Protein backbone atom coordinates (compact mmCIF):
# COMPACT_ATOMS: atom_id res chain seq x y z
CA MET A 1 100.83 75.16 88.88
CA PRO A 2 103.47 75.63 91.58
CA ASP A 3 105.82 77.57 89.25
CA LEU A 4 103.20 80.23 88.59
CA ILE A 5 102.42 80.59 92.29
CA HIS A 6 106.14 80.72 93.14
CA ASN A 7 106.71 83.34 90.42
CA LEU A 8 103.83 85.44 91.66
CA ASP A 9 105.23 85.42 95.16
CA ALA A 10 108.71 86.26 93.86
CA VAL A 11 107.37 89.29 91.98
CA ARG A 12 105.53 90.48 95.05
CA GLN A 13 108.79 90.20 96.99
CA ARG A 14 110.61 92.21 94.32
CA ILE A 15 108.00 94.95 94.59
CA ALA A 16 108.22 94.98 98.37
CA LEU A 17 112.02 95.19 98.33
CA ALA A 18 112.06 98.00 95.77
CA ALA A 19 109.45 99.89 97.78
CA HIS A 20 111.59 99.46 100.91
CA VAL A 21 114.64 100.85 99.07
CA ALA A 22 112.55 103.86 98.01
CA GLY A 23 111.14 104.38 101.49
CA ARG A 24 107.63 103.53 100.29
CA ASP A 25 104.88 101.34 101.64
CA PRO A 26 104.72 98.22 99.41
CA ARG A 27 100.94 98.47 99.59
CA SER A 28 101.16 101.70 97.56
CA VAL A 29 102.20 99.64 94.50
CA GLU A 30 99.59 97.46 92.79
CA LEU A 31 100.58 94.43 90.75
CA LEU A 32 98.87 93.99 87.39
CA ALA A 33 99.45 90.44 86.13
CA VAL A 34 99.71 90.61 82.34
CA SER A 35 98.00 87.45 81.17
CA LYS A 36 98.04 88.06 77.40
CA THR A 37 98.66 84.86 75.38
CA PHE A 38 98.19 82.72 78.50
CA PRO A 39 95.05 80.61 79.05
CA ALA A 40 92.16 81.36 81.36
CA GLU A 41 93.27 78.48 83.56
CA ASP A 42 96.45 80.39 84.44
CA VAL A 43 94.39 83.41 85.43
CA ARG A 44 92.25 81.17 87.62
CA VAL A 45 95.36 79.81 89.36
CA ALA A 46 96.74 83.30 89.92
CA HIS A 47 93.37 84.42 91.27
CA ALA A 48 93.37 81.54 93.73
CA ALA A 49 96.79 82.78 94.89
CA GLY A 50 95.33 86.20 95.66
CA GLN A 51 95.82 88.11 92.39
CA ARG A 52 92.86 90.22 91.29
CA ALA A 53 93.99 92.57 88.48
CA PHE A 54 94.88 91.18 85.04
CA GLY A 55 96.11 92.91 81.89
CA GLU A 56 95.30 92.01 78.30
CA ASN A 57 96.52 93.37 74.94
CA TYR A 58 94.33 91.63 72.37
CA VAL A 59 90.61 92.27 72.35
CA GLN A 60 89.25 88.97 71.03
CA GLU A 61 91.58 86.85 73.16
CA ALA A 62 90.60 88.86 76.21
CA LEU A 63 86.87 88.55 75.56
CA THR A 64 87.19 84.77 75.29
CA LYS A 65 89.06 84.71 78.58
CA ILE A 66 86.60 87.02 80.34
CA GLU A 67 83.74 84.75 79.25
CA ALA A 68 85.56 81.62 80.42
CA LEU A 69 86.05 83.24 83.83
CA ALA A 70 82.57 84.69 84.14
CA ASP A 71 82.08 82.93 87.47
CA LEU A 72 84.89 85.09 88.91
CA ARG A 73 83.84 88.35 87.24
CA ALA A 74 82.87 90.14 90.45
CA ASP A 75 86.30 89.41 91.92
CA LEU A 76 88.46 90.18 88.87
CA GLU A 77 89.62 93.52 87.49
CA TRP A 78 90.34 93.55 83.76
CA HIS A 79 92.79 96.11 82.32
CA PHE A 80 93.25 96.70 78.60
CA ILE A 81 96.86 97.75 78.09
CA GLY A 82 97.51 97.35 74.34
CA PRO A 83 97.05 99.68 71.37
CA LEU A 84 93.35 100.19 70.77
CA GLN A 85 91.85 100.60 67.32
CA SER A 86 88.65 102.57 66.89
CA ASN A 87 86.74 99.55 65.57
CA LYS A 88 87.60 97.58 68.74
CA SER A 89 86.66 100.23 71.29
CA LYS A 90 83.06 99.08 71.91
CA PRO A 91 83.81 95.62 73.38
CA VAL A 92 86.57 97.17 75.48
CA ALA A 93 84.21 99.83 76.81
CA GLU A 94 81.66 97.15 77.63
CA ASN A 95 83.90 94.54 79.26
CA PHE A 96 86.94 96.15 80.86
CA ASP A 97 87.44 98.08 84.09
CA TRP A 98 90.52 99.99 82.95
CA VAL A 99 92.15 101.16 79.71
CA HIS A 100 95.81 102.23 80.02
CA SER A 101 96.54 103.03 76.38
CA VAL A 102 94.56 106.18 75.57
CA ASP A 103 96.75 108.37 73.36
CA ARG A 104 94.12 109.98 71.11
CA LEU A 105 91.03 111.98 72.00
CA LYS A 106 89.05 110.05 69.37
CA ILE A 107 89.59 106.80 71.25
CA ALA A 108 88.61 108.39 74.56
CA GLU A 109 85.45 109.84 73.01
CA ARG A 110 84.44 106.44 71.63
CA LEU A 111 85.07 104.73 74.96
CA SER A 112 82.98 107.39 76.70
CA ALA A 113 80.09 107.07 74.25
CA GLN A 114 80.16 103.26 74.34
CA ARG A 115 80.51 102.73 78.10
CA PRO A 116 77.19 101.26 79.31
CA ASP A 117 75.26 103.42 81.77
CA ASN A 118 74.82 100.52 84.19
CA LEU A 119 78.58 100.15 84.70
CA LEU A 120 80.88 102.26 86.82
CA PRO A 121 82.93 104.85 84.89
CA LEU A 122 85.76 103.32 82.89
CA ASN A 123 89.13 104.05 84.49
CA VAL A 124 91.61 105.36 81.92
CA CYS A 125 95.26 106.37 81.72
CA VAL A 126 96.84 108.57 79.08
CA GLN A 127 99.74 106.76 77.44
CA VAL A 128 102.89 108.86 77.11
CA ASN A 129 105.89 108.11 74.91
CA ALA A 130 108.38 108.75 77.72
CA SER A 131 111.52 107.58 75.91
CA GLY A 132 110.88 109.25 72.55
CA GLU A 133 110.88 106.10 70.41
CA ALA A 134 109.38 106.66 66.97
CA SER A 135 107.96 103.12 66.98
CA LYS A 136 106.19 103.41 70.32
CA SER A 137 102.58 104.38 70.91
CA GLY A 138 101.85 107.24 73.24
CA ILE A 139 101.46 110.97 73.13
CA GLU A 140 104.44 113.31 73.37
CA PRO A 141 104.98 114.58 76.92
CA GLY A 142 104.35 118.18 75.88
CA GLU A 143 100.89 117.26 74.59
CA ALA A 144 99.80 115.25 77.62
CA LEU A 145 98.17 118.10 79.56
CA GLU A 146 95.83 119.05 76.72
CA LEU A 147 94.75 115.46 76.11
CA ALA A 148 94.39 114.72 79.83
CA ARG A 149 92.12 117.72 80.32
CA ALA A 150 89.96 116.69 77.39
CA VAL A 151 89.69 113.09 78.62
CA ALA A 152 88.87 114.21 82.17
CA ALA A 153 85.91 116.18 80.85
CA LEU A 154 84.27 113.19 79.15
CA PRO A 155 81.29 111.43 80.77
CA ARG A 156 81.46 107.76 81.86
CA LEU A 157 85.26 107.91 82.01
CA ARG A 158 87.47 108.50 85.05
CA LEU A 159 90.94 109.76 84.25
CA ARG A 160 93.27 108.03 86.71
CA GLY A 161 96.78 108.85 85.53
CA LEU A 162 99.57 108.18 83.06
CA MET A 163 101.09 105.06 81.49
CA SER A 164 104.30 104.45 79.57
CA ILE A 165 106.26 101.62 77.96
CA PRO A 166 109.85 102.91 77.82
CA GLU A 167 112.62 101.63 75.62
CA PRO A 168 114.41 98.68 77.28
CA ALA A 169 117.63 99.65 79.05
CA GLY A 170 120.37 97.52 80.52
CA ASP A 171 121.12 99.10 83.89
CA ILE A 172 118.85 100.47 86.57
CA GLU A 173 120.01 104.07 86.23
CA ALA A 174 119.15 104.09 82.53
CA GLN A 175 115.83 102.39 83.32
CA ARG A 176 114.97 105.06 85.89
CA ALA A 177 115.26 108.02 83.51
CA PRO A 178 111.98 107.65 81.54
CA HIS A 179 110.11 106.68 84.70
CA ARG A 180 111.44 109.82 86.36
CA LEU A 181 110.21 111.86 83.40
CA LEU A 182 106.74 110.33 83.62
CA HIS A 183 106.56 110.97 87.36
CA ALA A 184 107.53 114.62 86.84
CA LEU A 185 104.83 114.93 84.18
CA PHE A 186 102.33 113.33 86.56
CA GLU A 187 103.20 115.89 89.22
CA GLN A 188 102.85 118.71 86.71
CA LEU A 189 99.38 117.56 85.69
CA CYS A 190 98.36 117.31 89.32
CA THR A 191 99.48 120.89 89.96
CA GLU A 192 97.35 121.90 86.96
CA GLY A 193 94.29 120.65 88.85
CA LEU A 194 93.85 117.15 87.47
CA ALA A 195 92.95 114.58 90.15
CA LEU A 196 95.35 111.77 89.24
CA ASP A 197 96.36 108.81 91.40
CA THR A 198 97.94 106.27 89.03
CA LEU A 199 101.38 105.92 87.49
CA SER A 200 101.27 102.75 85.37
CA MET A 201 104.92 102.01 84.62
CA GLY A 202 107.39 99.17 85.00
CA MET A 203 107.37 95.61 83.68
CA SER A 204 109.21 92.35 84.39
CA GLY A 205 112.64 93.74 83.51
CA ASP A 206 112.45 97.18 85.09
CA LEU A 207 109.87 97.06 87.88
CA GLU A 208 112.47 98.02 90.52
CA ALA A 209 113.39 101.19 88.63
CA ALA A 210 109.71 102.04 88.21
CA VAL A 211 108.87 101.53 91.89
CA ILE A 212 111.84 103.65 92.96
CA GLU A 213 110.60 106.42 90.67
CA GLY A 214 107.04 106.34 92.01
CA ALA A 215 105.04 103.73 90.09
CA THR A 216 101.70 102.97 91.70
CA LEU A 217 100.99 100.07 89.32
CA VAL A 218 103.47 97.72 87.64
CA ARG A 219 102.51 95.51 84.70
CA VAL A 220 104.26 92.14 84.97
CA GLY A 221 103.72 89.19 82.65
CA THR A 222 106.79 87.10 81.81
CA ALA A 223 108.13 87.05 85.38
CA ILE A 224 104.81 85.55 86.51
CA PHE A 225 103.52 83.38 83.66
CA GLY A 226 106.79 82.58 81.84
CA ALA A 227 108.00 83.18 78.29
CA ARG A 228 105.28 83.85 75.73
CA ASP A 229 104.61 81.79 72.64
CA TYR A 230 103.30 84.05 69.86
CA SER A 231 103.09 81.29 67.24
CA ASN A 232 99.30 81.19 67.57
């Protein structure tokens, strides 16, 4: 699949250029390839091209994919990035390495209780509604410190940082604003004593703005795998 490999390389170049503009080391920004709705074969191709971290939104689809790629399990890192319902937390706790979408203590408590003892702690990010959209998941910025402290205290979880999915914006200055807010919140939580290292922000359309504002992980799907077909 030469298009996928070309796209992957193009996204890596975009990240590197944005990091250069920001005076950052490109290696300080991790690429998470969002493979939701795309087949396991595409993940296998991307893995062969050097990609290791993959993001999924839908639990059952992800589990099918993880099983199909069981031969690569030791060399893949699976991130759950979608809204998580309480009744779906157990398979996520058992099969994923990261969860980016924790916005309720109840979900964090379930993930903690359901994470198997034989696995490393589950890496988690608190999702923040950085652009104030009523329709978006995520905790309000003013409530993030309380939730982050509670999550950090739970066993079998490792609080890594913050995640957001801002409202789409047309120009880079408008795109930068919610990422700047999230970065400021990240810094605030760090000064409060939380050991955070991850800012999960930026997607296909705004990764440059996110990198300039300090993203350590960008979640890119369409620019790598192509347009999604949700008909199934």
